[in-house]
Each structure stands twice: as structure tokens, then as C-alpha cells.
Amino acid sequence: MSKLGTWFASNAARIVFAIGVVALITTVISIRSCRSAQTVKTETRLEAGQASAAAASGADAVNTVGNRAQEEEQTDAISRENDATIRNAEGAATVVPAGVSGAGISALCRRAAYAGDPRCAQPR
């Protein structure tokens, strides 16, 4: 046997052990790499889902505020129409006692539709 053959024969167990350790390390690194890649994919998916949910939530909030403002405007428009109908009704020019008139105007002034009315700016 040559010197190289003798060396391999006497160190065969060590060589097999070293190859096994290298194979084990390579396997562990591969598994960790796959897990890391899977974790990144999962985190990316979750972040995208959270961003989408946040955007949807924001859109819902904007729509809710917009719908509420529209409902308030409709209510105020009805109040203004009611006021005009009452003021244009037959007998609307009849003098009403000051206490009744003041109470009616005070009640109307609590509504947003009358916030700019000059009668509401006066102290009661």
C-alpha cells in the first residue's frame, strides 16, 4: 500500500466523522434558511393583511363620518323647511306671547341649522 492509502486506512473513521459533521452542519443551515424564508414570507403576508385591514378601517371611518354629516345636513334642511312652512302659514303674523316665542326660538337655536341665525346670537 502507498503512504496515501495507508493514511486513508488509518484515518478512515476520522474522515467519515468529518464528512458526517459537514453534512450535519449543511443540513442544519439549510433547514434554518428555509425556516427563515418561510418566516419572512409569513411576516410579509401578515403585514400586507394588516395594512389592508387598516386601510379598510380608515375607509369605514371616513364613510361613517361622511354619512353622519350627511344625515345631520338632511335633518337641518328639514328643520329649515319646517321653519319656512310655519312662517308662511296663514296666521303666522299673529302676535305670539313673548314667553312662547322666546321658548320656540330658544328650542330652534339649539339645532345646528340655526347656528348662524342672528336671533340665536342674542342672549335669552
Foldseek 3Di string as FASTA:
>chain_A
DDPVVVVCVVCVVVVVVVVVVVVVVVVVVVVVVVVVVVVVVVVVVVVVVVVVVVVVVVVVVVVVVVVVVVVLVVVLVVVVVVVVCLCPDPPNPPDDPPVVVVVVVCVSCVRPNCVPPPVSVDDD
